[in-house]
């Protein structure tokens, strides 16, 4: 049974930082591309950042470039999202997702087979 469990969310002031973690079980992380998505109230789930199986490159939404960093530890079956210089517009539930097409980083949420339950990030002004 595949499980993706996010942690590290919380309440932070604008300008602050958080580090999200996504622990995977029931799958071998090196066989999957991994991504973070987020969903704010009343909005669609959107791509934030992604990494192919090797971590050889990364892909980011324009809104987070230069502030967020995705990384992965395949040996620990864990993916991270370091979020710096947070702004209120970053407030959302953040989800990690796994795509069996491990060589690509898709921004289309329908391409991802497995999802975590999400972790809330709230940025106050």
PDB file of N, CA and C in Angstrom:
ATOM      1  N   UNK A   1       0.848  -1.188   0.000  1.00  0.00           N
ATOM      2  CA  UNK A   1       0.000   0.000   0.000  1.00  0.00           C
ATOM      3  C   UNK A   1       0.885   1.241   0.000  1.00  0.00           C
ATOM      4  N   UNK A   2       0.663   2.095  -0.981  1.00  0.00           N
ATOM      5  CA  UNK A   2       1.458   3.304  -1.095  1.00  0.00           C
ATOM      6  C   UNK A   2       0.909   4.388  -0.176  1.00  0.00           C
ATOM      7  N   UNK A   3       1.819   5.021   0.559  1.00  0.00           N
ATOM      8  CA  UNK A   3       1.439   6.160   1.388  1.00  0.00           C
ATOM      9  C   UNK A   3       2.446   7.283   1.220  1.00  0.00           C
ATOM     10  N   UNK A   4       1.938   8.477   1.084  1.00  0.00           N
ATOM     11  CA  UNK A   4       2.750   9.689   1.107  1.00  0.00           C
ATOM     12  C   UNK A   4       2.246  10.528   2.270  1.00  0.00           C
ATOM     13  N   UNK A   5       3.141  10.847   3.201  1.00  0.00           N
ATOM     14  CA  UNK A   5       2.735  11.568   4.402  1.00  0.00           C
ATOM     15  C   UNK A   5       3.521  12.870   4.496  1.00  0.00           C
ATOM     16  N   UNK A   6       2.800  13.977   4.371  1.00  0.00           N
ATOM     17  CA  UNK A   6       3.426  15.294   4.486  1.00  0.00           C
ATOM     18  C   UNK A   6       3.477  15.748   5.945  1.00  0.00           C
ATOM     19  N   UNK A   7       4.469  16.545   6.242  1.00  0.00           N
ATOM     20  CA  UNK A   7       4.588  17.158   7.564  1.00  0.00           C
ATOM     21  C   UNK A   7       5.370  18.463   7.426  1.00  0.00           C
ATOM     22  N   UNK A   8       5.345  19.265   8.492  1.00  0.00           N
ATOM     23  CA  UNK A   8       6.127  20.488   8.510  1.00  0.00           C
ATOM     24  C   UNK A   8       5.347  21.759   8.276  1.00  0.00           C
ATOM     25  N   UNK A   9       4.069  21.638   7.983  1.00  0.00           N
ATOM     26  CA  UNK A   9       3.264  22.837   7.792  1.00  0.00           C
ATOM     27  C   UNK A   9       3.014  23.559   9.104  1.00  0.00           C
ATOM     28  N   UNK A  10       2.428  24.744   9.002  1.00  0.00           N
ATOM     29  CA  UNK A  10       2.118  25.507  10.205  1.00  0.00           C
ATOM     30  C   UNK A  10       1.833  26.952   9.876  1.00  0.00           C
ATOM     31  N   UNK A  11       1.823  27.758  10.929  1.00  0.00           N
ATOM     32  CA  UNK A  11       1.567  29.194  10.819  1.00  0.00           C
ATOM     33  C   UNK A  11       2.896  29.937  10.920  1.00  0.00           C
ATOM     34  N   UNK A  12       3.128  30.842   9.982  1.00  0.00           N
ATOM     35  CA  UNK A  12       4.378  31.592   9.965  1.00  0.00           C
ATOM     36  C   UNK A  12       4.087  33.014   9.512  1.00  0.00           C
ATOM     37  N   UNK A  13       4.892  33.944   9.965  1.00  0.00           N
ATOM     38  CA  UNK A  13       4.725  35.328   9.531  1.00  0.00           C
ATOM     39  C   UNK A  13       5.350  35.539   8.156  1.00  0.00           C
ATOM     40  N   UNK A  14       4.849  36.521   7.454  1.00  0.00           N
ATOM     41  CA  UNK A  14       5.419  36.862   6.153  1.00  0.00           C
ATOM     42  C   UNK A  14       6.918  37.119   6.296  1.00  0.00           C
ATOM     43  N   UNK A  15       7.673  36.589   5.338  1.00  0.00           N
ATOM     44  CA  UNK A  15       9.120  36.685   5.382  1.00  0.00           C
ATOM     45  C   UNK A  15       9.793  35.500   6.044  1.00  0.00           C
ATOM     46  N   UNK A  16       9.020  34.669   6.684  1.00  0.00           N
ATOM     47  CA  UNK A  16       9.551  33.512   7.372  1.00  0.00           C
ATOM     48  C   UNK A  16       9.773  32.320   6.453  1.00  0.00           C
ATOM     49  N   UNK A  17      10.177  31.208   7.077  1.00  0.00           N
ATOM     50  CA  UNK A  17      10.506  29.992   6.338  1.00  0.00           C
ATOM     51  C   UNK A  17       9.842  28.777   6.973  1.00  0.00           C
ATOM     52  N   UNK A  18       9.597  27.795   6.142  1.00  0.00           N
ATOM     53  CA  UNK A  18       9.143  26.480   6.586  1.00  0.00           C
ATOM     54  C   UNK A  18       9.791  25.428   5.704  1.00  0.00           C
ATOM     55  N   UNK A  19       9.950  24.246   6.256  1.00  0.00           N
ATOM     56  CA  UNK A  19      10.447  23.119   5.479  1.00  0.00           C
ATOM     57  C   UNK A  19       9.425  21.990   5.571  1.00  0.00           C
ATOM     58  N   UNK A  20       8.873  21.643   4.426  1.00  0.00           N
ATOM     59  CA  UNK A  20       7.930  20.535   4.360  1.00  0.00           C
ATOM     60  C   UNK A  20       8.668  19.243   4.033  1.00  0.00           C
ATOM     61  N   UNK A  21       8.166  18.155   4.586  1.00  0.00           N
ATOM     62  CA  UNK A  21       8.700  16.834   4.284  1.00  0.00           C
ATOM     63  C   UNK A  21       7.577  15.945   3.764  1.00  0.00           C
ATOM     64  N   UNK A  22       7.940  15.006   2.906  1.00  0.00           N
ATOM     65  CA  UNK A  22       6.995  14.018   2.391  1.00  0.00           C
ATOM     66  C   UNK A  22       7.670  12.657   2.495  1.00  0.00           C
ATOM     67  N   UNK A  23       7.192  11.848   3.428  1.00  0.00           N
ATOM     68  CA  UNK A  23       7.755  10.519   3.630  1.00  0.00           C
ATOM     69  C   UNK A  23       6.931   9.509   2.843  1.00  0.00           C
ATOM     70  N   UNK A  24       7.610   8.744   2.002  1.00  0.00           N
ATOM     71  CA  UNK A  24       6.943   7.772   1.149  1.00  0.00           C
ATOM     72  C   UNK A  24       7.155   6.367   1.680  1.00  0.00           C
ATOM     73  N   UNK A  25       6.104   5.565   1.607  1.00  0.00           N
ATOM     74  CA  UNK A  25       6.202   4.145   1.928  1.00  0.00           C
ATOM     75  C   UNK A  25       5.390   3.363   0.905  1.00  0.00           C
ATOM     76  N   UNK A  26       5.786   2.099   0.725  1.00  0.00           N
ATOM     77  CA  UNK A  26       5.072   1.270  -0.246  1.00  0.00           C
ATOM     78  C   UNK A  26       5.501   1.502  -1.680  1.00  0.00           C
ATOM     79  N   UNK A  27       6.464   2.369  -1.875  1.00  0.00           N
ATOM     80  CA  UNK A  27       7.037   2.574  -3.202  1.00  0.00           C
ATOM     81  C   UNK A  27       8.512   2.918  -3.052  1.00  0.00           C
ATOM     82  N   UNK A  28       9.238   2.735  -4.146  1.00  0.00           N
ATOM     83  CA  UNK A  28      10.653   3.087  -4.169  1.00  0.00           C
ATOM     84  C   UNK A  28      10.779   4.458  -4.814  1.00  0.00           C
ATOM     85  N   UNK A  29      11.210   5.423  -4.031  1.00  0.00           N
ATOM     86  CA  UNK A  29      11.184   6.811  -4.487  1.00  0.00           C
ATOM     87  C   UNK A  29      11.962   7.007  -5.786  1.00  0.00           C
ATOM     88  N   UNK A  30      13.031   6.256  -5.971  1.00  0.00           N
ATOM     89  CA  UNK A  30      13.851   6.422  -7.166  1.00  0.00           C
ATOM     90  C   UNK A  30      13.140   5.981  -8.440  1.00  0.00           C
ATOM     91  N   UNK A  31      11.979   5.377  -8.305  1.00  0.00           N
ATOM     92  CA  UNK A  31      11.196   4.970  -9.473  1.00  0.00           C
ATOM     93  C   UNK A  31      10.158   6.007  -9.875  1.00  0.00           C
ATOM     94  N   UNK A  32      10.145   7.136  -9.174  1.00  0.00           N
ATOM     95  CA  UNK A  32       9.091   8.127  -9.394  1.00  0.00           C
ATOM     96  C   UNK A  32       9.669   9.534  -9.500  1.00  0.00           C
ATOM     97  N   UNK A  33       9.042  10.315 -10.368  1.00  0.00           N
ATOM     98  CA  UNK A  33       9.193  11.751 -10.271  1.00  0.00           C
ATOM     99  C   UNK A  33       8.297  12.212  -9.127  1.00  0.00           C
ATOM    100  N   UNK A  34       8.725  13.235  -8.421  1.00  0.00           N
ATOM    101  CA  UNK A  34       7.978  13.737  -7.275  1.00  0.00           C
ATOM    102  C   UNK A  34       7.721  15.224  -7.438  1.00  0.00           C
ATOM    103  N   UNK A  35       6.596  15.659  -6.907  1.00  0.00           N
ATOM    104  CA  UNK A  35       6.244  17.069  -7.016  1.00  0.00           C
ATOM    105  C   UNK A  35       5.467  17.522  -5.790  1.00  0.00           C
ATOM    106  N   UNK A  36       5.454  18.822  -5.621  1.00  0.00           N
ATOM    107  CA  UNK A  36       4.606  19.475  -4.632  1.00  0.00           C
ATOM    108  C   UNK A  36       3.564  20.302  -5.387  1.00  0.00           C
ATOM    109  N   UNK A  37       2.338  20.193  -4.921  1.00  0.00           N
ATOM    110  CA  UNK A  37       1.235  21.016  -5.395  1.00  0.00           C
ATOM    111  C   UNK A  37       0.651  21.746  -4.189  1.00  0.00           C
ATOM    112  N   UNK A  38      -0.160  22.737  -4.465  1.00  0.00           N
ATOM    113  CA  UNK A  38      -0.859  23.418  -3.373  1.00  0.00           C
ATOM    114  C   UNK A  38      -2.251  23.819  -3.842  1.00  0.00           C
ATOM    115  N   UNK A  39      -3.133  23.954  -2.847  1.00  0.00           N
ATOM    116  CA  UNK A  39      -4.504  24.346  -3.139  1.00  0.00           C
ATOM    117  C   UNK A  39      -4.979  25.329  -2.079  1.00  0.00           C
ATOM    118  N   UNK A  40      -5.294  26.523  -2.523  1.00  0.00           N
ATOM    119  CA  UNK A  40      -5.846  27.546  -1.646  1.00  0.00           C
ATOM    120  C   UNK A  40      -7.374  27.461  -1.701  1.00  0.00           C
ATOM    121  N   UNK A  41      -8.056  27.975  -0.681  1.00  0.00           N
ATOM    122  CA  UNK A  41      -9.516  27.914  -0.655  1.00  0.00           C
ATOM    123  C   UNK A  41     -10.123  28.551  -1.905  1.00  0.00           C
ATOM    124  N   UNK A  42     -11.040  27.824  -2.538  1.00  0.00           N
ATOM    125  CA  UNK A  42     -11.724  28.341  -3.702  1.00  0.00           C
ATOM    126  C   UNK A  42     -10.927  28.307  -4.981  1.00  0.00           C
ATOM    127  N   UNK A  43      -9.717  27.736  -4.936  1.00  0.00           N
ATOM    128  CA  UNK A  43      -8.861  27.700  -6.126  1.00  0.00           C
ATOM    129  C   UNK A  43      -8.538  26.264  -6.498  1.00  0.00           C
ATOM    130  N   UNK A  44      -8.090  26.097  -7.737  1.00  0.00           N
ATOM    131  CA  UNK A  44      -7.690  24.767  -8.173  1.00  0.00           C
ATOM    132  C   UNK A  44      -6.310  24.409  -7.613  1.00  0.00           C
ATOM    133  N   UNK A  45      -6.074  23.114  -7.544  1.00  0.00           N
ATOM    134  CA  UNK A  45      -4.756  22.654  -7.113  1.00  0.00           C
ATOM    135  C   UNK A  45      -3.733  23.006  -8.190  1.00  0.00           C
ATOM    136  N   UNK A  46      -2.618  23.603  -7.759  1.00  0.00           N
ATOM    137  CA  UNK A  46      -1.621  24.068  -8.715  1.00  0.00           C
ATOM    138  C   UNK A  46      -0.247  23.490  -8.416  1.00  0.00           C
ATOM    139  N   UNK A  47       0.520  23.341  -9.475  1.00  0.00           N
ATOM    140  CA  UNK A  47       1.885  22.844  -9.374  1.00  0.00           C
ATOM    141  C   UNK A  47       2.758  23.885  -8.688  1.00  0.00           C
ATOM    142  N   UNK A  48       3.653  23.403  -7.812  1.00  0.00           N
ATOM    143  CA  UNK A  48       4.589  24.286  -7.119  1.00  0.00           C
ATOM    144  C   UNK A  48       6.026  23.978  -7.533  1.00  0.00           C
ATOM    145  N   UNK A  49       6.416  22.707  -7.412  1.00  0.00           N
ATOM    146  CA  UNK A  49       7.803  22.326  -7.710  1.00  0.00           C
ATOM    147  C   UNK A  49       7.859  20.832  -7.977  1.00  0.00           C
ATOM    148  N   UNK A  50       8.843  20.415  -8.775  1.00  0.00           N
ATOM    149  CA  UNK A  50       8.962  19.003  -9.074  1.00  0.00           C
ATOM    150  C   UNK A  50      10.376  18.597  -9.392  1.00  0.00           C
ATOM    151  N   UNK A  51      10.624  17.299  -9.282  1.00  0.00           N
ATOM    152  CA  UNK A  51      11.954  16.737  -9.498  1.00  0.00           C
ATOM    153  C   UNK A  51      11.800  15.360 -10.120  1.00  0.00           C
ATOM    154  N   UNK A  52      12.572  15.033 -11.167  1.00  0.00           N
ATOM    155  CA  UNK A  52      12.550  13.669 -11.688  1.00  0.00           C
ATOM    156  C   UNK A  52      13.244  12.725 -10.715  1.00  0.00           C
ATOM    157  N   UNK A  53      13.282  11.461 -11.037  1.00  0.00           N
ATOM    158  CA  UNK A  53      13.758  10.472 -10.078  1.00  0.00           C
ATOM    159  C   UNK A  53      15.176  10.750  -9.586  1.00  0.00           C
ATOM    160  N   UNK A  54      16.011  11.278 -10.471  1.00  0.00           N
ATOM    161  CA  UNK A  54      17.419  11.475 -10.136  1.00  0.00           C
ATOM    162  C   UNK A  54      17.685  12.806  -9.442  1.00  0.00           C
ATOM    163  N   UNK A  55      16.730  13.711  -9.514  1.00  0.00           N
ATOM    164  CA  UNK A  55      16.999  15.044  -9.004  1.00  0.00           C
ATOM    165  C   UNK A  55      17.933  15.846  -9.877  1.00  0.00           C
ATOM    166  N   UNK A  56      18.150  15.389 -11.117  1.00  0.00           N
ATOM    167  CA  UNK A  56      19.115  16.028 -12.010  1.00  0.00           C
ATOM    168  C   UNK A  56      18.706  17.446 -12.401  1.00  0.00           C
ATOM    169  N   UNK A  57      17.409  17.692 -12.387  1.00  0.00           N
ATOM    170  CA  UNK A  57      16.938  19.054 -12.626  1.00  0.00           C
ATOM    171  C   UNK A  57      15.690  19.262 -11.780  1.00  0.00           C
ATOM    172  N   UNK A  58      15.264  20.492 -11.680  1.00  0.00           N
ATOM    173  CA  UNK A  58      14.048  20.813 -10.945  1.00  0.00           C
ATOM    174  C   UNK A  58      13.207  21.780 -11.761  1.00  0.00           C
ATOM    175  N   UNK A  59      11.947  21.842 -11.441  1.00  0.00           N
ATOM    176  CA  UNK A  59      11.014  22.693 -12.162  1.00  0.00           C
ATOM    177  C   UNK A  59      10.149  23.400 -11.119  1.00  0.00           C
ATOM    178  N   UNK A  60       9.941  24.680 -11.326  1.00  0.00           N
ATOM    179  CA  UNK A  60       9.192  25.473 -10.337  1.00  0.00           C
ATOM    180  C   UNK A  60       8.118  26.321 -11.023  1.00  0.00           C
ATOM    181  N   UNK A  61       7.067  26.561 -10.292  1.00  0.00           N
ATOM    182  CA  UNK A  61       6.102  27.567 -10.727  1.00  0.00           C
ATOM    183  C   UNK A  61       6.765  28.940 -10.653  1.00  0.00           C
ATOM    184  N   UNK A  62       6.390  29.816 -11.564  1.00  0.00           N
ATOM    185  CA  UNK A  62       7.004  31.150 -11.587  1.00  0.00           C
ATOM    186  C   UNK A  62       6.816  31.878 -10.253  1.00  0.00           C
ATOM    187  N   UNK A  63       5.699  31.617  -9.603  1.00  0.00           N
ATOM    188  CA  UNK A  63       5.373  32.343  -8.370  1.00  0.00           C
ATOM    189  C   UNK A  63       6.290  31.989  -7.208  1.00  0.00           C
ATOM    190  N   UNK A  64       7.021  30.871  -7.300  1.00  0.00           N
ATOM    191  CA  UNK A  64       7.865  30.460  -6.175  1.00  0.00           C
ATOM    192  C   UNK A  64       9.352  30.408  -6.532  1.00  0.00           C
ATOM    193  N   UNK A  65       9.678  30.657  -7.789  1.00  0.00           N
ATOM    194  CA  UNK A  65      11.078  30.595  -8.209  1.00  0.00           C
ATOM    195  C   UNK A  65      11.931  31.545  -7.376  1.00  0.00           C
ATOM    196  N   UNK A  66      13.073  31.037  -6.936  1.00  0.00           N
ATOM    197  CA  UNK A  66      13.980  31.846  -6.137  1.00  0.00           C
ATOM    198  C   UNK A  66      13.658  31.853  -4.658  1.00  0.00           C
ATOM    199  N   UNK A  67      12.491  31.322  -4.289  1.00  0.00           N
ATOM    200  CA  UNK A  67      12.096  31.285  -2.876  1.00  0.00           C
ATOM    201  C   UNK A  67      11.965  29.850  -2.349  1.00  0.00           C
ATOM    202  N   UNK A  68      11.508  28.939  -3.201  1.00  0.00           N
ATOM    203  CA  UNK A  68      11.288  27.552  -2.787  1.00  0.00           C
ATOM    204  C   UNK A  68      12.348  26.654  -3.427  1.00  0.00           C
ATOM    205  N   UNK A  69      12.689  25.585  -2.721  1.00  0.00           N
ATOM    206  CA  UNK A  69      13.630  24.600  -3.244  1.00  0.00           C
ATOM    207  C   UNK A  69      13.115  23.201  -2.940  1.00  0.00           C
ATOM    208  N   UNK A  70      13.004  22.396  -3.988  1.00  0.00           N
ATOM    209  CA  UNK A  70      12.636  20.996  -3.804  1.00  0.00           C
ATOM    210  C   UNK A  70      13.904  20.158  -3.790  1.00  0.00           C
ATOM    211  N   UNK A  71      13.924  19.163  -2.919  1.00  0.00           N
ATOM    212  CA  UNK A  71      15.045  18.235  -2.878  1.00  0.00           C
ATOM    213  C   UNK A  71      14.506  16.864  -2.496  1.00  0.00           C
ATOM    214  N   UNK A  72      15.322  15.856  -2.711  1.00  0.00           N
ATOM    215  CA  UNK A  72      14.869  14.505  -2.408  1.00  0.00           C
ATOM    216  C   UNK A  72      16.029  13.670  -1.910  1.00  0.00           C
ATOM    217  N   UNK A  73      15.714  12.741  -1.032  1.00  0.00           N
ATOM    218  CA  UNK A  73      16.680  11.774  -0.525  1.00  0.00           C
ATOM    219  C   UNK A  73      16.105  10.402  -0.835  1.00  0.00           C
ATOM    220  N   UNK A  74      16.516   9.835  -1.947  1.00  0.00           N
ATOM    221  CA  UNK A  74      15.947   8.549  -2.369  1.00  0.00           C
ATOM    222  C   UNK A  74      16.266   7.442  -1.376  1.00  0.00           C
ATOM    223  N   UNK A  75      17.403   7.522  -0.725  1.00  0.00           N
ATOM    224  CA  UNK A  75      17.763   6.500   0.258  1.00  0.00           C
ATOM    225  C   UNK A  75      16.818   6.524   1.455  1.00  0.00           C
ATOM    226  N   UNK A  76      16.351   7.727   1.801  1.00  0.00           N
ATOM    227  CA  UNK A  76      15.434   7.879   2.933  1.00  0.00           C
ATOM    228  C   UNK A  76      13.974   7.895   2.488  1.00  0.00           C
ATOM    229  N   UNK A  77      13.755   7.779   1.167  1.00  0.00           N
ATOM    230  CA  UNK A  77      12.379   7.789   0.627  1.00  0.00           C
ATOM    231  C   UNK A  77      11.617   9.044   1.056  1.00  0.00           C
ATOM    232  N   UNK A  78      12.309  10.183   1.008  1.00  0.00           N
ATOM    233  CA  UNK A  78      11.705  11.429   1.484  1.00  0.00           C
ATOM    234  C   UNK A  78      11.986  12.560   0.498  1.00  0.00           C
ATOM    235  N   UNK A  79      10.979  13.403   0.327  1.00  0.00           N
ATOM    236  CA  UNK A  79      11.085  14.595  -0.503  1.00  0.00           C
ATOM    237  C   UNK A  79      10.846  15.808   0.385  1.00  0.00           C
ATOM    238  N   UNK A  80      11.550  16.874   0.076  1.00  0.00           N
ATOM    239  CA  UNK A  80      11.454  18.089   0.889  1.00  0.00           C
ATOM    240  C   UNK A  80      11.064  19.289   0.031  1.00  0.00           C
ATOM    241  N   UNK A  81      10.480  20.267   0.689  1.00  0.00           N
ATOM    242  CA  UNK A  81      10.238  21.562   0.062  1.00  0.00           C
ATOM    243  C   UNK A  81      10.644  22.634   1.064  1.00  0.00           C
ATOM    244  N   UNK A  82      11.754  23.290   0.785  1.00  0.00           N
ATOM    245  CA  UNK A  82      12.200  24.404   1.599  1.00  0.00           C
ATOM    246  C   UNK A  82      11.554  25.667   1.065  1.00  0.00           C
ATOM    247  N   UNK A  83      10.834  26.364   1.932  1.00  0.00           N
ATOM    248  CA  UNK A  83      10.096  27.558   1.533  1.00  0.00           C
ATOM    249  C   UNK A  83      10.624  28.746   2.320  1.00  0.00           C
ATOM    250  N   UNK A  84      11.206  29.686   1.608  1.00  0.00           N
ATOM    251  CA  UNK A  84      11.748  30.902   2.211  1.00  0.00           C
ATOM    252  C   UNK A  84      10.984  32.122   1.723  1.00  0.00           C
ATOM    253  N   UNK A  85      11.158  33.220   2.427  1.00  0.00           N
ATOM    254  CA  UNK A  85      10.519  34.495   2.048  1.00  0.00           C
ATOM    255  C   UNK A  85       9.036  34.307   1.776  1.00  0.00           C
ATOM    256  N   UNK A  86       8.376  33.640   2.686  1.00  0.00           N
ATOM    257  CA  UNK A  86       6.962  33.320   2.492  1.00  0.00           C
ATOM    258  C   UNK A  86       6.112  34.586   2.487  1.00  0.00           C
ATOM    259  N   UNK A  87       5.079  34.549   1.675  1.00  0.00           N
ATOM    260  CA  UNK A  87       4.133  35.653   1.551  1.00  0.00           C
ATOM    261  C   UNK A  87       2.721  35.122   1.788  1.00  0.00           C
ATOM    262  N   UNK A  88       1.770  35.996   2.140  1.00  0.00           N
ATOM    263  CA  UNK A  88       0.406  35.512   2.398  1.00  0.00           C
ATOM    264  C   UNK A  88      -0.190  34.711   1.228  1.00  0.00           C
ATOM    265  N   UNK A  89       0.190  35.032  -0.003  1.00  0.00           N
ATOM    266  CA  UNK A  89      -0.332  34.305  -1.168  1.00  0.00           C
ATOM    267  C   UNK A  89       0.128  32.850  -1.206  1.00  0.00           C
ATOM    268  N   UNK A  90       1.101  32.499  -0.372  1.00  0.00           N
ATOM    269  CA  UNK A  90       1.551  31.104  -0.300  1.00  0.00           C
ATOM    270  C   UNK A  90       0.651  30.261   0.601  1.00  0.00           C
ATOM    271  N   UNK A  91      -0.292  30.879   1.269  1.00  0.00           N
ATOM    272  CA  UNK A  91      -1.206  30.154   2.151  1.00  0.00           C
ATOM    273  C   UNK A  91      -2.024  29.148   1.360  1.00  0.00           C
ATOM    274  N   UNK A  92      -1.954  27.893   1.755  1.00  0.00           N
ATOM    275  CA  UNK A  92      -2.637  26.816   1.033  1.00  0.00           C
ATOM    276  C   UNK A  92      -2.389  25.505   1.763  1.00  0.00           C
ATOM    277  N   UNK A  93      -3.097  24.482   1.321  1.00  0.00           N
ATOM    278  CA  UNK A  93      -2.755  23.115   1.706  1.00  0.00           C
ATOM    279  C   UNK A  93      -1.751  22.603   0.674  1.00  0.00           C
ATOM    280  N   UNK A  94      -0.643  22.084   1.156  1.00  0.00           N
ATOM    281  CA  UNK A  94       0.419  21.606   0.289  1.00  0.00           C
ATOM    282  C   UNK A  94       0.397  20.082   0.242  1.00  0.00           C
ATOM    283  N   UNK A  95       0.471  19.554  -0.987  1.00  0.00           N
ATOM    284  CA  UNK A  95       0.418  18.124  -1.212  1.00  0.00           C
ATOM    285  C   UNK A  95       1.673  17.651  -1.936  1.00  0.00           C
ATOM    286  N   UNK A  96       2.176  16.480  -1.578  1.00  0.00           N
ATOM    287  CA  UNK A  96       3.198  15.865  -2.415  1.00  0.00           C
ATOM    288  C   UNK A  96       2.530  14.797  -3.271  1.00  0.00           C
ATOM    289  N   UNK A  97       3.151  14.531  -4.406  1.00  0.00           N
ATOM    290  CA  UNK A  97       2.576  13.614  -5.376  1.00  0.00           C
ATOM    291  C   UNK A  97       3.680  12.855  -6.092  1.00  0.00           C
ATOM    292  N   UNK A  98       3.341  11.639  -6.533  1.00  0.00           N
ATOM    293  CA  UNK A  98       4.303  10.762  -7.200  1.00  0.00           C
ATOM    294  C   UNK A  98       3.801  10.400  -8.591  1.00  0.00           C
ATOM    295  N   UNK A  99       4.715  10.491  -9.558  1.00  0.00           N
ATOM    296  CA  UNK A  99       4.427  10.182 -10.963  1.00  0.00           C
ATOM    297  C   UNK A  99       5.332   9.037 -11.408  1.00  0.00           C
ATOM    298  N   UNK A 100       4.725   7.982 -11.884  1.00  0.00           N
ATOM    299  CA  UNK A 100       5.505   6.803 -12.293  1.00  0.00           C
ATOM    300  C   UNK A 100       6.404   7.099 -13.492  1.00  0.00           C
ATOM    301  N   UNK A 101       6.059   8.104 -14.279  1.00  0.00           N
ATOM    302  CA  UNK A 101       6.914   8.509 -15.404  1.00  0.00           C
ATOM    303  C   UNK A 101       8.077   9.308 -14.835  1.00  0.00           C
ATOM    304  N   UNK A 102       9.075   8.598 -14.379  1.00  0.00           N
ATOM    305  CA  UNK A 102      10.065   9.179 -13.488  1.00  0.00           C
ATOM    306  C   UNK A 102      11.027  10.167 -14.142  1.00  0.00           C
ATOM    307  N   UNK A 103      11.098  10.161 -15.481  1.00  0.00           N
ATOM    308  CA  UNK A 103      12.087  11.017 -16.144  1.00  0.00           C
ATOM    309  C   UNK A 103      11.595  12.442 -16.359  1.00  0.00           C
ATOM    310  N   UNK A 104      10.303  12.675 -16.236  1.00  0.00           N
ATOM    311  CA  UNK A 104       9.743  13.988 -16.534  1.00  0.00           C
ATOM    312  C   UNK A 104       9.304  14.670 -15.243  1.00  0.00           C
ATOM    313  N   UNK A 105       8.992  15.953 -15.364  1.00  0.00           N
ATOM    314  CA  UNK A 105       8.315  16.674 -14.291  1.00  0.00           C
ATOM    315  C   UNK A 105       7.085  17.324 -14.921  1.00  0.00           C
ATOM    316  N   UNK A 106       5.940  16.741 -14.697  1.00  0.00           N
ATOM    317  CA  UNK A 106       4.711  17.271 -15.260  1.00  0.00           C
ATOM    318  C   UNK A 106       4.088  18.286 -14.318  1.00  0.00           C
ATOM    319  N   UNK A 107       3.523  19.343 -14.893  1.00  0.00           N
ATOM    320  CA  UNK A 107       2.788  20.330 -14.095  1.00  0.00           C
ATOM    321  C   UNK A 107       1.297  19.996 -14.046  1.00  0.00           C
ATOM    322  N   UNK A 108       0.926  18.910 -14.696  1.00  0.00           N
ATOM    323  CA  UNK A 108      -0.473  18.495 -14.770  1.00  0.00           C
ATOM    324  C   UNK A 108      -0.783  17.526 -13.639  1.00  0.00           C
ATOM    325  N   UNK A 109      -1.644  17.921 -12.734  1.00  0.00           N
ATOM    326  CA  UNK A 109      -1.897  17.093 -11.560  1.00  0.00           C
ATOM    327  C   UNK A 109      -2.489  15.741 -11.934  1.00  0.00           C
ATOM    328  N   UNK A 110      -3.124  15.647 -13.103  1.00  0.00           N
ATOM    329  CA  UNK A 110      -3.733  14.380 -13.522  1.00  0.00           C
ATOM    330  C   UNK A 110      -2.693  13.335 -13.902  1.00  0.00           C
ATOM    331  N   UNK A 111      -1.448  13.738 -14.054  1.00  0.00           N
ATOM    332  CA  UNK A 111      -0.385  12.792 -14.410  1.00  0.00           C
ATOM    333  C   UNK A 111       0.151  12.042 -13.182  1.00  0.00           C
ATOM    334  N   UNK A 112      -0.242  12.451 -11.996  1.00  0.00           N
ATOM    335  CA  UNK A 112       0.331  11.885 -10.769  1.00  0.00           C
ATOM    336  C   UNK A 112      -0.572  10.804 -10.211  1.00  0.00           C
ATOM    337  N   UNK A 113       0.035   9.666  -9.919  1.00  0.00           N
ATOM    338  CA  UNK A 113      -0.745   8.502  -9.484  1.00  0.00           C
ATOM    339  C   UNK A 113      -1.034   8.502  -7.987  1.00  0.00           C
ATOM    340  N   UNK A 114      -0.121   9.008  -7.199  1.00  0.00           N
ATOM    341  CA  UNK A 114      -0.273   8.936  -5.748  1.00  0.00           C
ATOM    342  C   UNK A 114      -0.162  10.317  -5.125  1.00  0.00           C
ATOM    343  N   UNK A 115      -0.962  10.522  -4.066  1.00  0.00           N
ATOM    344  CA  UNK A 115      -1.020  11.803  -3.376  1.00  0.00           C
ATOM    345  C   UNK A 115      -0.997  11.612  -1.880  1.00  0.00           C
ATOM    346  N   UNK A 116      -0.415  12.593  -1.198  1.00  0.00           N
ATOM    347  CA  UNK A 116      -0.518  12.627   0.249  1.00  0.00           C
ATOM    348  C   UNK A 116      -1.807  13.297   0.679  1.00  0.00           C
ATOM    349  N   UNK A 117      -1.984  13.397   1.999  1.00  0.00           N
ATOM    350  CA  UNK A 117      -3.216  13.966   2.545  1.00  0.00           C
ATOM    351  C   UNK A 117      -3.147  15.474   2.685  1.00  0.00           C
ATOM    352  N   UNK A 118      -1.956  16.026   2.558  1.00  0.00           N
ATOM    353  CA  UNK A 118      -1.787  17.469   2.597  1.00  0.00           C
ATOM    354  C   UNK A 118      -1.399  17.991   3.961  1.00  0.00           C
ATOM    355  N   UNK A 119      -0.715  19.134   3.948  1.00  0.00           N
ATOM    356  CA  UNK A 119      -0.357  19.824   5.186  1.00  0.00           C
ATOM    357  C   UNK A 119      -0.629  21.316   4.984  1.00  0.00           C
ATOM    358  N   UNK A 120      -1.233  21.926   6.000  1.00  0.00           N
ATOM    359  CA  UNK A 120      -1.654  23.320   5.894  1.00  0.00           C
ATOM    360  C   UNK A 120      -0.477  24.261   6.149  1.00  0.00           C
ATOM    361  N   UNK A 121      -0.327  25.231   5.265  1.00  0.00           N
ATOM    362  CA  UNK A 121       0.635  26.313   5.450  1.00  0.00           C
ATOM    363  C   UNK A 121      -0.143  27.618   5.465  1.00  0.00           C
ATOM    364  N   UNK A 122       0.017  28.378   6.534  1.00  0.00           N
ATOM    365  CA  UNK A 122      -0.662  29.659   6.664  1.00  0.00           C
ATOM    366  C   UNK A 122       0.379  30.738   6.911  1.00  0.00           C
ATOM    367  N   UNK A 123       0.374  31.760   6.062  1.00  0.00           N
ATOM    368  CA  UNK A 123       1.330  32.852   6.178  1.00  0.00           C
ATOM    369  C   UNK A 123       0.558  34.111   6.543  1.00  0.00           C
ATOM    370  N   UNK A 124       0.876  34.671   7.686  1.00  0.00           N
ATOM    371  CA  UNK A 124       0.186  35.888   8.140  1.00  0.00           C
ATOM    372  C   UNK A 124       0.954  37.134   7.719  1.00  0.00           C
ATOM    373  N   UNK A 125       0.203  38.193   7.490  1.00  0.00           N
ATOM    374  CA  UNK A 125       0.842  39.453   7.047  1.00  0.00           C
ATOM    375  C   UNK A 125       1.242  40.323   8.221  1.00  0.00           C
TER     376      UNK A 125
END
